[in-house]
Each structure stands twice: as structure tokens, then as C-alpha cells.
PDB file of all heavy atoms in Angstrom:
ATOM      1  N   ILE A   1      -6.943  20.624  -0.793  1.00  0.00           N
ATOM      2  CA  ILE A   1      -8.149  20.479   0.008  1.00  0.00           C
ATOM      3  C   ILE A   1      -8.333  19.015   0.366  1.00  0.00           C
ATOM      4  O   ILE A   1      -8.303  18.143  -0.501  1.00  0.00           O
ATOM      5  CB  ILE A   1      -9.376  21.019  -0.742  1.00  0.00           C
ATOM      6  CG1 ILE A   1      -9.273  22.530  -0.879  1.00  0.00           C
ATOM      7  CG2 ILE A   1     -10.664  20.627  -0.014  1.00  0.00           C
ATOM      8  CD1 ILE A   1     -10.404  23.162  -1.659  1.00  0.00           C
ATOM      9  N   ASN A   2      -8.516  18.766   1.640  1.00  0.00           N
ATOM     10  CA  ASN A   2      -8.709  17.401   2.119  1.00  0.00           C
ATOM     11  C   ASN A   2     -10.179  16.989   2.075  1.00  0.00           C
ATOM     12  O   ASN A   2     -10.498  15.848   1.739  1.00  0.00           O
ATOM     13  CB  ASN A   2      -8.163  17.265   3.536  1.00  0.00           C
ATOM     14  CG  ASN A   2      -6.728  17.714   3.635  1.00  0.00           C
ATOM     15  OD1 ASN A   2      -5.864  17.275   2.874  1.00  0.00           O
ATOM     16  ND2 ASN A   2      -6.452  18.617   4.570  1.00  0.00           N
ATOM     17  N   ALA A   3     -11.045  17.928   2.435  1.00  0.00           N
ATOM     18  CA  ALA A   3     -12.472  17.656   2.412  1.00  0.00           C
ATOM     19  C   ALA A   3     -13.217  18.978   2.467  1.00  0.00           C
ATOM     20  O   ALA A   3     -12.718  19.977   2.987  1.00  0.00           O
ATOM     21  CB  ALA A   3     -12.892  16.768   3.580  1.00  0.00           C
ATOM     22  N   MET A   4     -14.424  18.968   1.940  1.00  0.00           N
ATOM     23  CA  MET A   4     -15.307  20.114   2.039  1.00  0.00           C
ATOM     24  C   MET A   4     -16.683  19.602   2.440  1.00  0.00           C
ATOM     25  O   MET A   4     -17.090  18.524   2.009  1.00  0.00           O
ATOM     26  CB  MET A   4     -15.398  20.885   0.723  1.00  0.00           C
ATOM     27  CG  MET A   4     -14.063  21.406   0.222  1.00  0.00           C
ATOM     28  SD  MET A   4     -14.188  22.399  -1.297  1.00  0.00           S
ATOM     29  CE  MET A   4     -14.728  23.979  -0.606  1.00  0.00           C
ATOM     30  N   GLY A   5     -17.357  20.370   3.252  1.00  0.00           N
ATOM     31  CA  GLY A   5     -18.644  19.903   3.724  1.00  0.00           C
ATOM     32  C   GLY A   5     -19.610  21.017   4.044  1.00  0.00           C
ATOM     33  O   GLY A   5     -19.259  22.202   4.029  1.00  0.00           O
ATOM     34  N   TRP A   6     -20.827  20.597   4.323  1.00  0.00           N
ATOM     35  CA  TRP A   6     -21.899  21.495   4.720  1.00  0.00           C
ATOM     36  C   TRP A   6     -22.434  21.060   6.071  1.00  0.00           C
ATOM     37  O   TRP A   6     -22.661  19.865   6.302  1.00  0.00           O
ATOM     38  CB  TRP A   6     -23.034  21.495   3.698  1.00  0.00           C
ATOM     39  CG  TRP A   6     -22.659  22.140   2.407  1.00  0.00           C
ATOM     40  CD1 TRP A   6     -22.197  21.546   1.283  1.00  0.00           C
ATOM     41  CD2 TRP A   6     -22.727  23.546   2.117  1.00  0.00           C
ATOM     42  NE1 TRP A   6     -21.964  22.476   0.296  1.00  0.00           N
ATOM     43  CE2 TRP A   6     -22.281  23.714   0.785  1.00  0.00           C
ATOM     44  CE3 TRP A   6     -23.111  24.667   2.846  1.00  0.00           C
ATOM     45  CZ2 TRP A   6     -22.217  24.969   0.178  1.00  0.00           C
ATOM     46  CZ3 TRP A   6     -23.041  25.912   2.235  1.00  0.00           C
ATOM     47  CH2 TRP A   6     -22.602  26.039   0.918  1.00  0.00           C
ATOM     48  N   TYR A   7     -22.640  22.029   6.945  1.00  0.00           N
ATOM     49  CA  TYR A   7     -23.152  21.797   8.279  1.00  0.00           C
ATOM     50  C   TYR A   7     -24.361  22.684   8.511  1.00  0.00           C
ATOM     51  O   TYR A   7     -24.429  23.800   8.004  1.00  0.00           O
ATOM     52  CB  TYR A   7     -22.091  22.102   9.335  1.00  0.00           C
ATOM     53  CG  TYR A   7     -20.884  21.186   9.287  1.00  0.00           C
ATOM     54  CD1 TYR A   7     -19.932  21.306   8.282  1.00  0.00           C
ATOM     55  CD2 TYR A   7     -20.703  20.205  10.255  1.00  0.00           C
ATOM     56  CE1 TYR A   7     -18.826  20.469   8.233  1.00  0.00           C
ATOM     57  CE2 TYR A   7     -19.598  19.369  10.217  1.00  0.00           C
ATOM     58  CZ  TYR A   7     -18.665  19.511   9.207  1.00  0.00           C
ATOM     59  OH  TYR A   7     -17.571  18.677   9.172  1.00  0.00           O
ATOM     60  N   ARG A   8     -25.291  22.179   9.291  1.00  0.00           N
ATOM     61  CA  ARG A   8     -26.484  22.935   9.642  1.00  0.00           C
ATOM     62  C   ARG A   8     -26.469  23.211  11.141  1.00  0.00           C
ATOM     63  O   ARG A   8     -26.208  22.311  11.938  1.00  0.00           O
ATOM     64  CB  ARG A   8     -27.754  22.181   9.249  1.00  0.00           C
ATOM     65  CG  ARG A   8     -29.051  22.917   9.602  1.00  0.00           C
ATOM     66  CD  ARG A   8     -30.278  22.219   9.012  1.00  0.00           C
ATOM     67  NE  ARG A   8     -30.412  20.856   9.494  1.00  0.00           N
ATOM     68  CZ  ARG A   8     -30.477  19.787   8.702  1.00  0.00           C
ATOM     69  NH1 ARG A   8     -30.439  19.929   7.380  1.00  0.00           N
ATOM     70  NH2 ARG A   8     -30.602  18.577   9.235  1.00  0.00           N
ATOM     71  N   LEU A   9     -26.761  24.444  11.505  1.00  0.00           N
ATOM     72  CA  LEU A   9     -26.787  24.829  12.897  1.00  0.00           C
ATOM     73  C   LEU A   9     -28.083  24.354  13.528  1.00  0.00           C
ATOM     74  O   LEU A   9     -29.165  24.787  13.135  1.00  0.00           O
ATOM     75  CB  LEU A   9     -26.648  26.341  13.039  1.00  0.00           C
ATOM     76  CG  LEU A   9     -26.704  26.886  14.468  1.00  0.00           C
ATOM     77  CD1 LEU A   9     -25.551  26.336  15.292  1.00  0.00           C
ATOM     78  CD2 LEU A   9     -26.680  28.406  14.453  1.00  0.00           C
ATOM     79  N   ALA A  10     -27.959  23.470  14.492  1.00  0.00           N
ATOM     80  CA  ALA A  10     -29.114  22.992  15.234  1.00  0.00           C
ATOM     81  C   ALA A  10     -29.404  23.948  16.382  1.00  0.00           C
ATOM     82  O   ALA A  10     -28.478  24.402  17.059  1.00  0.00           O
ATOM     83  CB  ALA A  10     -28.868  21.585  15.766  1.00  0.00           C
ATOM     84  N   PRO A  11     -30.675  24.252  16.617  1.00  0.00           N
ATOM     85  CA  PRO A  11     -31.008  25.179  17.697  1.00  0.00           C
ATOM     86  C   PRO A  11     -30.447  24.743  19.041  1.00  0.00           C
ATOM     87  O   PRO A  11     -30.666  23.609  19.471  1.00  0.00           O
ATOM     88  CB  PRO A  11     -32.538  25.171  17.708  1.00  0.00           C
ATOM     89  CG  PRO A  11     -32.923  24.778  16.321  1.00  0.00           C
ATOM     90  CD  PRO A  11     -31.872  23.805  15.890  1.00  0.00           C
ATOM     91  N   GLY A  12     -29.716  25.635  19.676  1.00  0.00           N
ATOM     92  CA  GLY A  12     -29.167  25.367  20.991  1.00  0.00           C
ATOM     93  C   GLY A  12     -28.085  24.313  21.038  1.00  0.00           C
ATOM     94  O   GLY A  12     -27.753  23.816  22.122  1.00  0.00           O
ATOM     95  N   ALA A  13     -27.536  23.965  19.892  1.00  0.00           N
ATOM     96  CA  ALA A  13     -26.542  22.907  19.846  1.00  0.00           C
ATOM     97  C   ALA A  13     -25.423  23.266  18.880  1.00  0.00           C
ATOM     98  O   ALA A  13     -25.314  24.397  18.407  1.00  0.00           O
ATOM     99  CB  ALA A  13     -27.192  21.583  19.454  1.00  0.00           C
ATOM    100  N   GLN A  14     -24.591  22.294  18.598  1.00  0.00           N
ATOM    101  CA  GLN A  14     -23.489  22.484  17.677  1.00  0.00           C
ATOM    102  C   GLN A  14     -23.963  22.327  16.240  1.00  0.00           C
ATOM    103  O   GLN A  14     -25.083  21.887  15.984  1.00  0.00           O
ATOM    104  CB  GLN A  14     -22.377  21.481  17.979  1.00  0.00           C
ATOM    105  CG  GLN A  14     -22.768  20.030  17.727  1.00  0.00           C
ATOM    106  CD  GLN A  14     -21.692  19.056  18.134  1.00  0.00           C
ATOM    107  OE1 GLN A  14     -21.136  19.160  19.221  1.00  0.00           O
ATOM    108  NE2 GLN A  14     -21.392  18.105  17.261  1.00  0.00           N
ATOM    109  N   ARG A  15     -23.102  22.668  15.342  1.00  0.00           N
ATOM    110  CA  ARG A  15     -23.391  22.480  13.930  1.00  0.00           C
ATOM    111  C   ARG A  15     -23.278  21.003  13.569  1.00  0.00           C
ATOM    112  O   ARG A  15     -22.265  20.362  13.835  1.00  0.00           O
ATOM    113  CB  ARG A  15     -22.434  23.323  13.087  1.00  0.00           C
ATOM    114  CG  ARG A  15     -22.779  24.801  13.070  1.00  0.00           C
ATOM    115  CD  ARG A  15     -21.740  25.632  12.356  1.00  0.00           C
ATOM    116  NE  ARG A  15     -20.557  25.840  13.183  1.00  0.00           N
ATOM    117  CZ  ARG A  15     -19.653  26.783  12.971  1.00  0.00           C
ATOM    118  NH1 ARG A  15     -19.802  27.623  11.949  1.00  0.00           N
ATOM    119  NH2 ARG A  15     -18.607  26.900  13.768  1.00  0.00           N
ATOM    120  N   ASP A  16     -24.335  20.492  12.962  1.00  0.00           N
ATOM    121  CA  ASP A  16     -24.390  19.083  12.579  1.00  0.00           C
ATOM    122  C   ASP A  16     -24.010  18.914  11.120  1.00  0.00           C
ATOM    123  O   ASP A  16     -24.382  19.715  10.266  1.00  0.00           O
ATOM    124  CB  ASP A  16     -25.788  18.509  12.803  1.00  0.00           C
ATOM    125  CG  ASP A  16     -26.179  18.457  14.260  1.00  0.00           C
ATOM    126  OD1 ASP A  16     -25.305  18.206  15.106  1.00  0.00           O
ATOM    127  OD2 ASP A  16     -27.380  18.660  14.559  1.00  0.00           O
ATOM    128  N   LEU A  17     -23.292  17.849  10.847  1.00  0.00           N
ATOM    129  CA  LEU A  17     -22.891  17.555   9.480  1.00  0.00           C
ATOM    130  C   LEU A  17     -24.102  17.203   8.629  1.00  0.00           C
ATOM    131  O   LEU A  17     -24.911  16.360   9.010  1.00  0.00           O
ATOM    132  CB  LEU A  17     -21.890  16.401   9.466  1.00  0.00           C
ATOM    133  CG  LEU A  17     -21.423  15.945   8.088  1.00  0.00           C
ATOM    134  CD1 LEU A  17     -20.593  17.033   7.415  1.00  0.00           C
ATOM    135  CD2 LEU A  17     -20.623  14.649   8.186  1.00  0.00           C
ATOM    136  N   VAL A  18     -24.203  17.839   7.486  1.00  0.00           N
ATOM    137  CA  VAL A  18     -25.242  17.541   6.511  1.00  0.00           C
ATOM    138  C   VAL A  18     -24.674  16.687   5.383  1.00  0.00           C
ATOM    139  O   VAL A  18     -25.256  15.674   5.005  1.00  0.00           O
ATOM    140  CB  VAL A  18     -25.864  18.827   5.944  1.00  0.00           C
ATOM    141  CG1 VAL A  18     -26.867  18.507   4.847  1.00  0.00           C
ATOM    142  CG2 VAL A  18     -26.521  19.631   7.056  1.00  0.00           C
ATOM    143  N   ALA A  19     -23.549  17.108   4.838  1.00  0.00           N
ATOM    144  CA  ALA A  19     -22.930  16.383   3.740  1.00  0.00           C
ATOM    145  C   ALA A  19     -21.451  16.713   3.696  1.00  0.00           C
ATOM    146  O   ALA A  19     -21.037  17.811   4.039  1.00  0.00           O
ATOM    147  CB  ALA A  19     -23.584  16.734   2.396  1.00  0.00           C
ATOM    148  N   LEU A  20     -20.672  15.751   3.252  1.00  0.00           N
ATOM    149  CA  LEU A  20     -19.225  15.906   3.184  1.00  0.00           C
ATOM    150  C   LEU A  20     -18.707  15.232   1.931  1.00  0.00           C
ATOM    151  O   LEU A  20     -19.188  14.159   1.554  1.00  0.00           O
ATOM    152  CB  LEU A  20     -18.570  15.278   4.420  1.00  0.00           C
ATOM    153  CG  LEU A  20     -17.048  15.379   4.557  1.00  0.00           C
ATOM    154  CD1 LEU A  20     -16.655  16.804   4.934  1.00  0.00           C
ATOM    155  CD2 LEU A  20     -16.533  14.395   5.597  1.00  0.00           C
ATOM    156  N   ILE A  21     -17.725  15.842   1.308  1.00  0.00           N
ATOM    157  CA  ILE A  21     -17.067  15.225   0.168  1.00  0.00           C
ATOM    158  C   ILE A  21     -15.569  15.275   0.408  1.00  0.00           C
ATOM    159  O   ILE A  21     -15.006  16.312   0.748  1.00  0.00           O
ATOM    160  CB  ILE A  21     -17.469  15.897  -1.167  1.00  0.00           C
ATOM    161  CG1 ILE A  21     -16.861  15.137  -2.348  1.00  0.00           C
ATOM    162  CG2 ILE A  21     -17.096  17.369  -1.196  1.00  0.00           C
ATOM    163  CD1 ILE A  21     -17.496  15.519  -3.684  1.00  0.00           C
ATOM    164  N   SER A  22     -14.924  14.140   0.258  1.00  0.00           N
ATOM    165  CA  SER A  22     -13.504  14.026   0.520  1.00  0.00           C
ATOM    166  C   SER A  22     -12.698  14.380  -0.711  1.00  0.00           C
ATOM    167  O   SER A  22     -13.227  14.577  -1.806  1.00  0.00           O
ATOM    168  CB  SER A  22     -13.165  12.606   0.981  1.00  0.00           C
ATOM    169  OG  SER A  22     -13.257  11.695  -0.101  1.00  0.00           O
ATOM    170  N   SER A  23     -11.384  14.434  -0.524  1.00  0.00           N
ATOM    171  CA  SER A  23     -10.502  14.728  -1.649  1.00  0.00           C
ATOM    172  C   SER A  23     -10.602  13.676  -2.738  1.00  0.00           C
ATOM    173  O   SER A  23     -10.386  13.986  -3.916  1.00  0.00           O
ATOM    174  CB  SER A  23      -9.056  14.839  -1.161  1.00  0.00           C
ATOM    175  OG  SER A  23      -8.611  13.625  -0.568  1.00  0.00           O
ATOM    176  N   GLY A  24     -10.922  12.452  -2.349  1.00  0.00           N
ATOM    177  CA  GLY A  24     -11.076  11.382  -3.305  1.00  0.00           C
ATOM    178  C   GLY A  24     -12.442  11.317  -3.959  1.00  0.00           C
ATOM    179  O   GLY A  24     -12.662  10.476  -4.834  1.00  0.00           O
ATOM    180  N   GLY A  25     -13.351  12.169  -3.525  1.00  0.00           N
ATOM    181  CA  GLY A  25     -14.670  12.222  -4.123  1.00  0.00           C
ATOM    182  C   GLY A  25     -15.737  11.421  -3.405  1.00  0.00           C
ATOM    183  O   GLY A  25     -16.895  11.438  -3.829  1.00  0.00           O
ATOM    184  N   SER A  26     -15.373  10.723  -2.347  1.00  0.00           N
ATOM    185  CA  SER A  26     -16.381   9.991  -1.600  1.00  0.00           C
ATOM    186  C   SER A  26     -17.266  10.956  -0.829  1.00  0.00           C
ATOM    187  O   SER A  26     -16.814  12.013  -0.391  1.00  0.00           O
ATOM    188  CB  SER A  26     -15.738   8.982  -0.657  1.00  0.00           C
ATOM    189  OG  SER A  26     -14.931   9.646   0.312  1.00  0.00           O
ATOM    190  N   THR A  27     -18.514  10.589  -0.660  1.00  0.00           N
ATOM    191  CA  THR A  27     -19.481  11.479  -0.025  1.00  0.00           C
ATOM    192  C   THR A  27     -20.114  10.828   1.188  1.00  0.00           C
ATOM    193  O   THR A  27     -20.240   9.602   1.268  1.00  0.00           O
ATOM    194  CB  THR A  27     -20.584  11.896  -1.008  1.00  0.00           C
ATOM    195  OG1 THR A  27     -21.228  10.724  -1.532  1.00  0.00           O
ATOM    196  CG2 THR A  27     -19.995  12.694  -2.156  1.00  0.00           C
ATOM    197  N   THR A  28     -20.503  11.668   2.112  1.00  0.00           N
ATOM    198  CA  THR A  28     -21.194  11.256   3.317  1.00  0.00           C
ATOM    199  C   THR A  28     -22.379  12.182   3.530  1.00  0.00           C
ATOM    200  O   THR A  28     -22.251  13.397   3.366  1.00  0.00           O
ATOM    201  CB  THR A  28     -20.267  11.314   4.542  1.00  0.00           C
ATOM    202  OG1 THR A  28     -19.134  10.464   4.334  1.00  0.00           O
ATOM    203  CG2 THR A  28     -20.997  10.855   5.801  1.00  0.00           C
ATOM    204  N   TYR A  29     -23.526  11.608   3.894  1.00  0.00           N
ATOM    205  CA  TYR A  29     -24.724  12.394   4.121  1.00  0.00           C
ATOM    206  C   TYR A  29     -25.351  12.046   5.455  1.00  0.00           C
ATOM    207  O   TYR A  29     -25.299  10.892   5.900  1.00  0.00           O
ATOM    208  CB  TYR A  29     -25.766  12.149   3.028  1.00  0.00           C
ATOM    209  CG  TYR A  29     -25.349  12.574   1.650  1.00  0.00           C
ATOM    210  CD1 TYR A  29     -24.769  11.670   0.769  1.00  0.00           C
ATOM    211  CD2 TYR A  29     -25.545  13.883   1.225  1.00  0.00           C
ATOM    212  CE1 TYR A  29     -24.383  12.057  -0.502  1.00  0.00           C
ATOM    213  CE2 TYR A  29     -25.169  14.280  -0.040  1.00  0.00           C
ATOM    214  CZ  TYR A  29     -24.586  13.364  -0.906  1.00  0.00           C
ATOM    215  OH  TYR A  29     -24.208  13.760  -2.161  1.00  0.00           O
ATOM    216  N   ALA A  30     -25.956  13.040   6.065  1.00  0.00           N
ATOM    217  CA  ALA A  30     -26.803  12.763   7.203  1.00  0.00           C
ATOM    218  C   ALA A  30     -27.990  11.936   6.739  1.00  0.00           C
ATOM    219  O   ALA A  30     -28.490  12.112   5.624  1.00  0.00           O
ATOM    220  CB  ALA A  30     -27.286  14.063   7.840  1.00  0.00           C
TER     221      ALA A  30
END
């Protein structure tokens, strides 16, 4: 696994990134 994340569906738009965790454990948040 390279990365796993969570996305939220915005009304009338694309899915926006909420949070992501990489294979190395680094995290990214909206």
C-alpha cells in the first residue's frame, strides 16, 4: 500500500481530500 486516505463528497463537486496517510506514516489533513 502506497497511501490510504479519506475523501468527502462535496455537493455538486468532486470528492475532496480530508486526510491521507502515506506508506511512511506521514499524514496530511484538510
